[in-house]
Structures are given as C-alpha cells and as structure tokens.
Amino acid sequence: MSDLPAHIFRRSGLPPLWTSEALYFSGDEFYADILRDIDKANSLVTVEMYIFEDDPLGERFFQSLEVAAKRGVRVLLMLDGVGSHRFIQKLQTREYNANIKIKVYNPHPWSFTNEHFVDYFRMVSVFFKRLFGVNRRNHRKLITIDERTVYSGSFNITTAHSKEFKQDEAWHDIGLRMTGWVAPLMVLAMMRSWGLTAFFRYRRKMPKKRFISFKHPDVRLNQDFRLRRHLYKDFLQRLKKSRARIWLSTGYFQPKRRIIRLLKSAAKRGVDVRILLSTKSDVFYYSLLQTYYHYELLKAGVRIYEFDPTVIHAKNYFIDEWVTVGSTNLNYRSFMHDLEVDFRIQHPDNKKRLNKNFEDQQMASREVTLESLNARKWWLQLFSRFVFLFRYWN
C-alpha cells in the first residue's frame, strides 16, 4: 500500500478522497487481499459487480460473504442482471443469511420466478419492461469494506482473471485498493443505484462537512445523464489539449467519431498516440469490430498494437500526466449506457508502474500496419463494416 504525498492535496486545494493506493496486475493477489479484508470486516461490506460468475471463484467469494454475515456484518450485493445472470439464477434456489441483501440491476428479460409464470399477463409485462432497459447495464466493479477500504478496477469476480484456474490464459487486468473518504462516497454511489430511499437515508448519515460531490476530479462516476455528459466533455478536452502523449489500453475499442477525430488531430500535431488492444476477446466479433477505424488512424500517425497471448481487459488511459484506471471502455456502451467508475492515479510510483506495464505489453504485441490491414481477407473487412452498424449496442 502506497501512502500519498501530502503535497498532492495542497496543490489541488481539495480534501483528499484517499490517503493510500495500491495497484494490482495479478488477479490472484487482488482477490486474496479482498477476501482477507472481508474476513476482517466488522460492520458493512458492499459489492457492486458486473460479472459475479457461478464458478469456483464466485462460490469462494459468496461463502466468504456468508461467513461475514453470520458474525453480524451487513452485506449489500448489487449484481448486473445480464453479466451475473447465471449466479443470480442460482441464488433464487439457495438459502443464505438474512444479513445479505441482494439487488439485481436491470434483470435479464428472460429471467422469471415461479410467481411470474403463474400470472401469464404479468410475465409478459415484466418481459417487455426488462427488454426496454436491456441496453443499460451496471458495468462497475466496486467492493467497499467497513466504509474505509475500496477495491476497484477491471477485475470481475470470475476465474477468467485468475492464473490459479486459467494459468497463462488469465486475462490482463488492473486493480486498485484505496483507503479513506472514497469508501463512503462509493457506498453512496451504490445506494443511488439501489434506490432513492436507500440513497437519501445513507446520505443523511454522512457528515455534512465531509460530503463530496460525485463530480470530484479524482473520481469519474457517471451516475446520471448530467455527469455522463460532463465526463465525456472532460475527456474530449483532455484529448484536445494533450501535448506529449495519449496512451490508451482498452478491451473494447469502438469510440464515438469525435474521439477518433481528436486522436488523429493529436497525432498530426506530434503527440505520441498509441492504442493497445487485444487480438482475443470474450465477444467473438469484437476483434473485427475494433478494426473499423484502423485505416484512418494509421494514416494520421496513430500507432496501434494488438496483444495476442491472452485477453487485455484492463481500461488504463494516459493523457500527458493524467492517468486513470477503472471500468470504462472506449465504446458506445461505456459512454452512453453503462454505469462506470474510474479513478485518477495519484502516487508517482504507481504511475511509473502503469507506464512499465503498458510498455511491456506493447513489446509483447504486434504493431498493426496499413500493409497488414490490406492483407486481411475481403470477407473479414466486409464483416467489420457490417457489425459496425450495430455499434450503438456495443
């Protein structure tokens, strides 16, 4: 755990959201520390997760939460209805401690309880209501413990990120552990998704002099349309004003057209623009979809790298000295539909470690060239243009 130098906060003039931060590049180390902290929890554990998988790691986590609940810890578990669909289905037939409260964010349209099956008309009504919101997902990965500690980043709770289960095929991700006032703020953010009653009840309990807005520059929370628009404009301004570098590492690359224009403009004025992508993806067509803008980016001087050994799932962005880690991808889903959270890295040593991680993965990647793009089979080029038509849902 790295303590943050005090001069960082004197320079910003804002109260610190966290006073220590630690980075994780290993899923096994990340999970081990979370489970250790859950075992020590005394009062409250919150889990807000896109994928909580019905696999050995998911079972290990849920058993740890059950043990905490039995000793009196209050556990709030918010799972995305699509990402965690299999585990949610399992929970419907499983008994668990009353101290564990579970909320499903936008349930899967095809997920019904026996009660719904009894009433056909209610089942149809529920189906269309869920279908209307199927494109809005909770993509965050947030765990808080005793309102003091926060774990976040791009790690879901699934064996896909663990070398214990997947060996060399484990996905590449980045995790973050912070301690400080950021923890109750993240609990408040989850309560906002849980329900307005829970949100206002929790907010009233927070010390008024310590309440910090979701607009704090070190945290990027897209709670509503206003914040989503603010963060998007802020990202555009940072790209526009960049002077030295723009390094982008993301598992899903299909940004809005305006971002493409700003990346091209930055490269043409001499900014070091690099994009690190993954050849492999858990979405079968994404390796083709993300090539749609490659031609014009390469012609403008942007350098693109494709990592082949395994899936790069991390979302890590460098714009000059501004560095973030979190859950936001450079695609339509993250900018328009999904709930996301990212954190601005503070500690100089952590920035250096992220730099090295990016450069190491770049060295292990294949650089994309115009020649390699032209050598692709014609039907692959045609398919990438076809799936681009559905970018709004990706």
Protein backbone atom coordinates (compact mmCIF):
# COMPACT_ATOMS: atom_id res chain seq x y z
CA MET A 1 0.00 0.00 0.00
CA SER A 2 1.48 3.35 -1.07
CA ASP A 3 0.81 6.41 1.10
CA LEU A 4 0.16 9.54 -0.92
CA PRO A 5 2.49 12.56 -0.58
CA ALA A 6 0.75 15.45 1.17
CA HIS A 7 1.84 17.97 -1.48
CA ILE A 8 -0.56 16.33 -3.98
CA PHE A 9 -3.52 17.62 -2.00
CA ARG A 10 -2.04 21.01 -1.23
CA ARG A 11 -1.66 21.51 -4.95
CA SER A 12 -5.24 20.51 -5.79
CA GLY A 13 -6.79 22.53 -2.95
CA LEU A 14 -9.39 19.76 -2.45
CA PRO A 15 -9.86 17.41 0.51
CA PRO A 16 -8.23 14.04 -0.21
CA LEU A 17 -10.57 11.24 -1.19
CA TRP A 18 -7.99 8.60 -0.35
CA THR A 19 -4.69 8.65 1.50
CA SER A 20 -3.18 5.41 0.18
CA GLU A 21 -3.44 3.44 -3.06
CA ALA A 22 -2.14 0.09 -4.22
CA LEU A 23 -2.10 -1.36 -7.74
CA TYR A 24 -2.66 -4.99 -8.73
CA PHE A 25 -1.72 -6.62 -12.01
CA SER A 26 -2.40 -10.12 -10.70
CA GLY A 27 -5.97 -11.26 -10.24
CA ASP A 28 -4.95 -13.84 -7.63
CA GLU A 29 -3.26 -11.21 -5.44
CA PHE A 30 -6.21 -8.86 -5.89
CA TYR A 31 -8.77 -11.50 -4.86
CA ALA A 32 -6.64 -12.73 -1.95
CA ASP A 33 -6.47 -9.24 -0.44
CA ILE A 34 -10.21 -8.66 -0.88
CA LEU A 35 -11.06 -11.96 0.81
CA ARG A 36 -8.63 -11.19 3.63
CA ASP A 37 -10.29 -7.81 4.22
CA ILE A 38 -13.78 -9.35 4.07
CA ASP A 39 -12.70 -11.85 6.74
CA LYS A 40 -11.74 -8.89 8.95
CA ALA A 41 -14.87 -6.82 8.25
CA ASN A 42 -16.87 -5.63 11.26
CA SER A 43 -19.86 -3.68 10.01
CA LEU A 44 -20.54 -3.31 6.25
CA VAL A 45 -19.41 -4.94 3.01
CA THR A 46 -20.81 -3.74 -0.33
CA VAL A 47 -20.25 -5.47 -3.65
CA GLU A 48 -21.27 -3.85 -6.93
CA MET A 49 -20.25 -6.18 -9.75
CA TYR A 50 -20.95 -6.63 -13.45
CA ILE A 51 -19.91 -10.30 -13.57
CA PHE A 52 -20.23 -12.40 -10.43
CA GLU A 53 -19.80 -15.78 -12.05
CA ASP A 54 -21.23 -19.11 -10.96
CA ASP A 55 -17.81 -20.76 -10.82
CA PRO A 56 -15.31 -21.82 -8.10
CA LEU A 57 -14.11 -18.25 -7.52
CA GLY A 58 -17.64 -16.87 -7.31
CA GLU A 59 -18.53 -19.61 -4.81
CA ARG A 60 -15.43 -18.81 -2.76
CA PHE A 61 -16.43 -15.14 -2.60
CA PHE A 62 -20.04 -15.83 -1.69
CA GLN A 63 -19.02 -18.23 1.09
CA SER A 64 -16.72 -15.51 2.49
CA LEU A 65 -19.65 -13.06 2.43
CA GLU A 66 -21.86 -15.63 4.18
CA VAL A 67 -19.28 -16.11 6.95
CA ALA A 68 -19.10 -12.34 7.43
CA ALA A 69 -22.90 -12.09 7.51
CA LYS A 70 -23.11 -14.82 10.20
CA ARG A 71 -20.93 -12.78 12.54
CA GLY A 72 -23.24 -9.76 12.09
CA VAL A 73 -21.69 -7.89 9.14
CA ARG A 74 -24.25 -6.26 6.87
CA VAL A 75 -23.66 -7.35 3.25
CA LEU A 76 -25.13 -5.49 0.26
CA LEU A 77 -24.68 -7.22 -3.07
CA MET A 78 -25.69 -5.48 -6.33
CA LEU A 79 -25.31 -7.68 -9.41
CA ASP A 80 -25.93 -6.82 -13.04
CA GLY A 81 -28.88 -8.77 -14.44
CA VAL A 82 -27.07 -9.79 -17.64
CA GLY A 83 -23.42 -10.05 -16.58
CA SER A 84 -24.23 -12.10 -13.46
CA HIS A 85 -27.27 -13.91 -14.90
CA ARG A 86 -26.14 -17.46 -14.10
CA PHE A 87 -25.23 -16.70 -10.48
CA ILE A 88 -28.48 -14.77 -9.95
CA GLN A 89 -30.44 -17.78 -11.19
CA LYS A 90 -28.58 -19.99 -8.71
CA LEU A 91 -29.34 -17.61 -5.83
CA GLN A 92 -33.09 -18.00 -6.43
CA THR A 93 -32.91 -21.58 -5.13
CA ARG A 94 -30.26 -21.00 -2.46
CA GLU A 95 -30.76 -20.11 1.17
CA TYR A 96 -28.41 -17.52 2.64
CA ASN A 97 -28.07 -15.39 5.75
CA ALA A 98 -30.63 -12.63 6.34
CA ASN A 99 -27.80 -10.09 6.71
CA ILE A 100 -27.11 -10.48 2.98
CA LYS A 101 -29.29 -8.22 0.85
CA ILE A 102 -29.17 -8.70 -2.93
CA LYS A 103 -30.31 -6.29 -5.61
CA VAL A 104 -30.36 -7.11 -9.32
CA TYR A 105 -29.66 -4.19 -11.63
CA ASN A 106 -31.96 -4.39 -14.68
CA PRO A 107 -32.77 -8.12 -14.54
CA HIS A 108 -32.32 -10.29 -17.62
CA PRO A 109 -35.52 -10.15 -19.76
CA TRP A 110 -35.71 -13.96 -19.89
CA SER A 111 -35.25 -14.42 -16.15
CA PHE A 112 -38.53 -15.21 -14.32
CA THR A 113 -39.52 -16.52 -10.93
CA ASN A 114 -42.26 -19.12 -10.43
CA GLU A 115 -44.56 -16.30 -9.31
CA HIS A 116 -44.30 -14.69 -12.74
CA PHE A 117 -45.03 -17.97 -14.51
CA VAL A 118 -48.31 -18.31 -12.61
CA ASP A 119 -49.56 -14.99 -13.98
CA TYR A 120 -49.04 -15.01 -17.77
CA PHE A 121 -50.01 -11.37 -18.29
CA ARG A 122 -47.66 -10.22 -15.55
CA MET A 123 -44.87 -12.27 -17.12
CA VAL A 124 -45.39 -10.54 -20.50
CA SER A 125 -45.46 -7.11 -18.83
CA VAL A 126 -42.25 -7.82 -16.91
CA PHE A 127 -40.57 -9.15 -20.05
CA PHE A 128 -41.19 -6.00 -22.11
CA LYS A 129 -40.26 -3.73 -19.21
CA ARG A 130 -36.90 -5.50 -18.87
CA LEU A 131 -36.39 -5.66 -22.60
CA PHE A 132 -36.75 -1.86 -22.79
CA GLY A 133 -33.84 -1.43 -20.35
CA VAL A 134 -31.67 -4.33 -21.54
CA ASN A 135 -29.07 -1.99 -23.04
CA ARG A 136 -28.44 -0.20 -19.71
CA ARG A 137 -26.02 -2.23 -17.61
CA ASN A 138 -24.07 -1.75 -14.39
CA HIS A 139 -20.51 -2.34 -15.58
CA ARG A 140 -18.79 -1.26 -12.35
CA LYS A 141 -16.50 -3.45 -10.30
CA LEU A 142 -16.64 -1.95 -6.78
CA ILE A 143 -16.15 -3.51 -3.35
CA THR A 144 -16.12 -1.49 -0.11
CA ILE A 145 -15.29 -2.80 3.35
CA ASP A 146 -16.33 -1.11 6.62
CA GLU A 147 -16.62 2.25 4.80
CA ARG A 148 -12.82 2.53 4.93
CA THR A 149 -11.46 0.48 2.04
CA VAL A 150 -12.33 0.38 -1.68
CA TYR A 151 -11.34 -2.19 -4.29
CA SER A 152 -12.00 -1.38 -7.93
CA GLY A 153 -10.55 -1.61 -11.43
CA SER A 154 -11.40 -4.02 -14.25
CA PHE A 155 -11.46 -7.33 -12.34
CA ASN A 156 -14.83 -9.07 -12.23
CA ILE A 157 -15.41 -11.99 -9.87
CA THR A 158 -14.70 -14.82 -12.28
CA THR A 159 -11.95 -17.38 -12.83
CA ALA A 160 -11.20 -15.73 -16.20
CA HIS A 161 -8.89 -13.28 -14.36
CA SER A 162 -7.13 -15.90 -12.21
CA LYS A 163 -3.96 -17.82 -13.05
CA GLU A 164 -4.92 -20.32 -10.35
CA PHE A 165 -7.69 -21.52 -12.68
CA LYS A 166 -6.68 -20.30 -16.16
CA GLN A 167 -2.85 -20.35 -15.95
CA ASP A 168 -1.35 -18.40 -18.87
CA GLU A 169 -4.80 -17.72 -20.36
CA ALA A 170 -5.83 -15.47 -17.45
CA TRP A 171 -6.94 -12.05 -18.67
CA HIS A 172 -4.73 -9.00 -18.16
CA ASP A 173 -6.40 -6.50 -15.83
CA ILE A 174 -5.56 -3.77 -13.35
CA GLY A 175 -6.96 -3.49 -9.84
CA LEU A 176 -6.82 -0.70 -7.30
CA ARG A 177 -7.10 -0.61 -3.49
CA MET A 178 -7.70 2.70 -1.72
CA THR A 179 -8.38 3.72 1.87
CA GLY A 180 -10.05 6.91 3.02
CA TRP A 181 -13.14 9.01 2.41
CA VAL A 182 -13.52 7.48 -1.05
CA ALA A 183 -15.12 4.40 0.58
CA PRO A 184 -18.33 6.03 1.93
CA LEU A 185 -18.58 8.01 -1.32
CA MET A 186 -18.57 4.74 -3.28
CA VAL A 187 -21.18 3.29 -0.91
CA LEU A 188 -23.31 6.38 -1.58
CA ALA A 189 -22.89 5.83 -5.34
CA MET A 190 -24.09 2.24 -4.99
CA MET A 191 -27.05 3.37 -2.88
CA ARG A 192 -28.04 5.71 -5.71
CA SER A 193 -28.35 2.66 -7.97
CA TRP A 194 -30.01 0.63 -5.21
CA GLY A 195 -32.88 3.10 -4.79
CA LEU A 196 -33.69 6.69 -3.89
CA THR A 197 -34.86 5.79 -0.38
CA ALA A 198 -31.59 3.98 0.41
CA PHE A 199 -29.61 6.83 -1.16
CA PHE A 200 -31.16 9.64 0.91
CA ARG A 201 -31.11 7.56 4.10
CA TYR A 202 -27.37 6.91 3.71
CA ARG A 203 -26.61 10.48 2.66
CA ARG A 204 -28.30 11.86 5.79
CA LYS A 205 -25.95 9.75 7.92
CA MET A 206 -22.84 11.18 6.23
CA PRO A 207 -21.17 14.17 7.94
CA LYS A 208 -22.28 17.25 6.01
CA LYS A 209 -18.88 18.92 6.17
CA ARG A 210 -17.28 15.82 4.63
CA PHE A 211 -19.78 15.18 1.84
CA ILE A 212 -18.01 15.38 -1.51
CA SER A 213 -19.81 15.60 -4.82
CA PHE A 214 -19.74 12.82 -7.40
CA LYS A 215 -18.06 15.46 -9.58
CA HIS A 216 -14.76 15.26 -7.68
CA PRO A 217 -11.95 15.37 -10.32
CA ASP A 218 -10.17 12.29 -8.93
CA VAL A 219 -13.24 10.04 -9.40
CA ARG A 220 -15.17 9.57 -12.63
CA LEU A 221 -18.70 8.39 -11.76
CA ASN A 222 -21.35 8.58 -14.49
CA GLN A 223 -24.33 8.36 -12.13
CA ASP A 224 -26.76 10.21 -14.42
CA PHE A 225 -27.02 11.92 -17.79
CA ARG A 226 -25.59 15.18 -16.45
CA LEU A 227 -22.47 13.52 -15.03
CA ARG A 228 -22.13 11.29 -18.09
CA ARG A 229 -22.13 14.36 -20.33
CA HIS A 230 -19.68 16.19 -18.05
CA LEU A 231 -17.19 13.30 -18.06
CA TYR A 232 -17.42 12.85 -21.83
CA LYS A 233 -16.72 16.55 -22.43
CA ASP A 234 -13.86 16.45 -19.93
CA PHE A 235 -12.30 13.50 -21.77
CA LEU A 236 -12.63 15.31 -25.09
CA GLN A 237 -10.98 18.43 -23.67
CA ARG A 238 -8.06 16.41 -22.34
CA LEU A 239 -7.54 14.83 -25.76
CA LYS A 240 -7.78 18.23 -27.42
CA LYS A 241 -5.24 19.85 -25.07
CA SER A 242 -2.78 16.95 -24.96
CA ARG A 243 0.83 17.92 -25.67
CA ALA A 244 3.09 14.90 -25.11
CA ARG A 245 1.25 11.60 -25.16
CA ILE A 246 -2.05 9.74 -25.41
CA TRP A 247 -1.71 6.08 -24.49
CA LEU A 248 -4.93 4.05 -24.44
CA SER A 249 -5.33 0.45 -23.30
CA THR A 250 -8.83 -0.97 -23.52
CA GLY A 251 -10.54 -4.30 -24.02
CA TYR A 252 -13.26 -2.84 -26.27
CA PHE A 253 -12.43 -0.12 -28.76
CA GLN A 254 -15.30 1.44 -30.71
CA PRO A 255 -15.32 5.12 -29.69
CA LYS A 256 -17.53 7.88 -30.94
CA ARG A 257 -16.50 9.64 -34.11
CA ARG A 258 -15.45 12.80 -32.27
CA ILE A 259 -12.83 10.90 -30.29
CA ILE A 260 -11.40 9.46 -33.50
CA ARG A 261 -11.06 12.97 -34.93
CA LEU A 262 -9.27 14.21 -31.80
CA LEU A 263 -6.87 11.24 -31.81
CA LYS A 264 -5.99 11.93 -35.45
CA SER A 265 -5.56 15.62 -34.76
CA ALA A 266 -3.28 14.91 -31.80
CA ALA A 267 -1.09 12.55 -33.82
CA LYS A 268 -0.77 15.09 -36.64
CA ARG A 269 0.49 17.78 -34.24
CA GLY A 270 3.18 15.47 -32.89
CA VAL A 271 1.56 13.88 -29.83
CA ASP A 272 2.67 10.31 -29.15
CA VAL A 273 -0.63 8.47 -29.70
CA ARG A 274 -0.63 4.73 -29.02
CA ILE A 275 -3.58 2.36 -28.76
CA LEU A 276 -3.08 -1.06 -27.15
CA LEU A 277 -5.81 -3.57 -28.00
CA SER A 278 -6.38 -7.27 -27.59
CA THR A 279 -6.50 -9.68 -30.52
CA LYS A 280 -8.62 -12.05 -28.43
CA SER A 281 -11.94 -11.09 -26.91
CA ASP A 282 -14.77 -12.67 -24.95
CA VAL A 283 -17.11 -11.08 -27.53
CA PHE A 284 -16.41 -13.12 -30.67
CA TYR A 285 -16.84 -10.32 -33.21
CA TYR A 286 -15.07 -7.52 -31.32
CA SER A 287 -11.61 -8.21 -32.73
CA LEU A 288 -13.11 -7.34 -36.12
CA LEU A 289 -15.36 -4.51 -34.97
CA GLN A 290 -12.49 -2.57 -33.40
CA THR A 291 -10.56 -2.52 -36.69
CA TYR A 292 -13.15 -0.27 -38.37
CA TYR A 293 -11.20 2.97 -37.70
CA HIS A 294 -7.72 1.49 -38.08
CA TYR A 295 -7.10 2.76 -41.61
CA GLU A 296 -7.68 6.44 -40.92
CA LEU A 297 -5.94 6.33 -37.53
CA LEU A 298 -2.81 4.75 -39.01
CA LYS A 299 -2.75 7.24 -41.88
CA ALA A 300 -2.84 10.08 -39.33
CA GLY A 301 0.19 8.70 -37.49
CA VAL A 302 -1.51 6.84 -34.62
CA ARG A 303 0.32 3.65 -33.60
CA ILE A 304 -1.88 0.61 -32.91
CA TYR A 305 -0.76 -2.60 -31.19
CA GLU A 306 -2.60 -5.90 -30.86
CA PHE A 307 -1.78 -8.17 -27.92
CA ASP A 308 -2.17 -11.85 -28.78
CA PRO A 309 -1.09 -14.06 -25.80
CA THR A 310 -4.37 -13.55 -23.92
CA VAL A 311 -7.20 -11.05 -23.44
CA ILE A 312 -6.33 -7.49 -22.39
CA HIS A 313 -9.36 -6.48 -20.36
CA ALA A 314 -7.83 -3.50 -18.48
CA LYS A 315 -9.06 0.06 -19.02
CA ASN A 316 -5.99 2.25 -18.49
CA TYR A 317 -5.64 5.72 -20.05
CA PHE A 318 -2.71 8.17 -20.14
CA ILE A 319 -3.14 11.72 -21.38
CA ASP A 320 0.10 13.54 -20.58
CA GLU A 321 0.41 13.14 -16.77
CA TRP A 322 -3.29 12.35 -16.25
CA VAL A 323 -3.60 8.60 -15.65
CA THR A 324 -6.77 6.62 -14.89
CA VAL A 325 -7.69 3.05 -14.01
CA GLY A 326 -11.25 1.76 -13.89
CA SER A 327 -14.08 0.06 -15.77
CA THR A 328 -14.77 2.46 -18.69
CA ASN A 329 -14.10 1.11 -22.17
CA LEU A 330 -13.70 3.27 -25.26
CA ASN A 331 -17.00 2.19 -26.78
CA TYR A 332 -20.60 3.32 -27.08
CA ARG A 333 -21.73 1.19 -24.14
CA SER A 334 -19.48 2.91 -21.62
CA PHE A 335 -20.13 6.43 -22.88
CA MET A 336 -23.89 6.14 -23.41
CA HIS A 337 -25.45 3.26 -21.48
CA ASP A 338 -23.47 1.59 -18.70
CA LEU A 339 -22.69 2.69 -15.16
CA GLU A 340 -18.92 3.03 -14.86
CA VAL A 341 -16.30 4.25 -12.40
CA ASP A 342 -12.65 5.26 -12.91
CA PHE A 343 -10.03 6.72 -10.58
CA ARG A 344 -7.24 9.15 -11.28
CA ILE A 345 -3.95 7.60 -10.14
CA GLN A 346 -2.17 9.83 -7.63
CA HIS A 347 1.06 8.21 -6.48
CA PRO A 348 4.13 8.84 -8.72
CA ASP A 349 5.40 5.28 -8.19
CA ASN A 350 2.09 3.83 -9.33
CA LYS A 351 2.17 5.98 -12.48
CA LYS A 352 5.65 4.57 -13.22
CA ARG A 353 4.38 1.02 -12.70
CA LEU A 354 1.49 1.64 -15.09
CA ASN A 355 3.89 3.11 -17.65
CA LYS A 356 6.05 -0.01 -17.45
CA ASN A 357 3.03 -2.31 -17.66
CA PHE A 358 1.82 -0.55 -20.82
CA GLU A 359 5.28 -0.66 -22.44
CA ASP A 360 5.82 -4.33 -21.52
CA GLN A 361 2.51 -5.29 -23.10
CA GLN A 362 3.31 -3.17 -26.13
CA MET A 363 6.63 -5.03 -26.54
CA ALA A 364 4.75 -8.34 -26.47
CA SER A 365 2.26 -7.12 -29.09
CA ARG A 366 2.19 -6.96 -32.87
CA GLU A 367 2.10 -3.49 -34.39
CA VAL A 368 -0.71 -3.01 -36.89
CA THR A 369 0.31 -1.53 -40.24
CA LEU A 370 -1.54 -0.50 -43.37
CA GLU A 371 0.07 -3.45 -45.14
CA SER A 372 -1.23 -5.95 -42.58
CA LEU A 373 -4.71 -4.45 -42.82
CA ASN A 374 -4.73 -4.69 -46.60
CA ALA A 375 -3.61 -8.31 -46.37
CA ARG A 376 -6.78 -9.30 -44.50
CA LYS A 377 -9.30 -11.44 -46.34
CA TRP A 378 -12.00 -9.42 -48.09
CA TRP A 379 -14.84 -11.07 -46.15
CA LEU A 380 -13.27 -10.06 -42.82
CA GLN A 381 -13.16 -6.44 -43.97
CA LEU A 382 -16.78 -6.68 -45.08
CA PHE A 383 -17.87 -8.25 -41.79
CA SER A 384 -16.17 -5.50 -39.74
CA ARG A 385 -18.20 -2.92 -41.69
CA PHE A 386 -21.39 -4.90 -41.10
CA VAL A 387 -21.01 -5.23 -37.31
CA PHE A 388 -20.11 -1.52 -37.16
CA LEU A 389 -23.76 -0.82 -37.98
CA PHE A 390 -24.64 -2.17 -34.51
CA ARG A 391 -22.06 -0.08 -32.61
CA TYR A 392 -24.80 1.57 -30.52
CA TRP A 393 -25.29 -1.76 -28.69
CA ASN A 394 -21.56 -2.49 -28.30
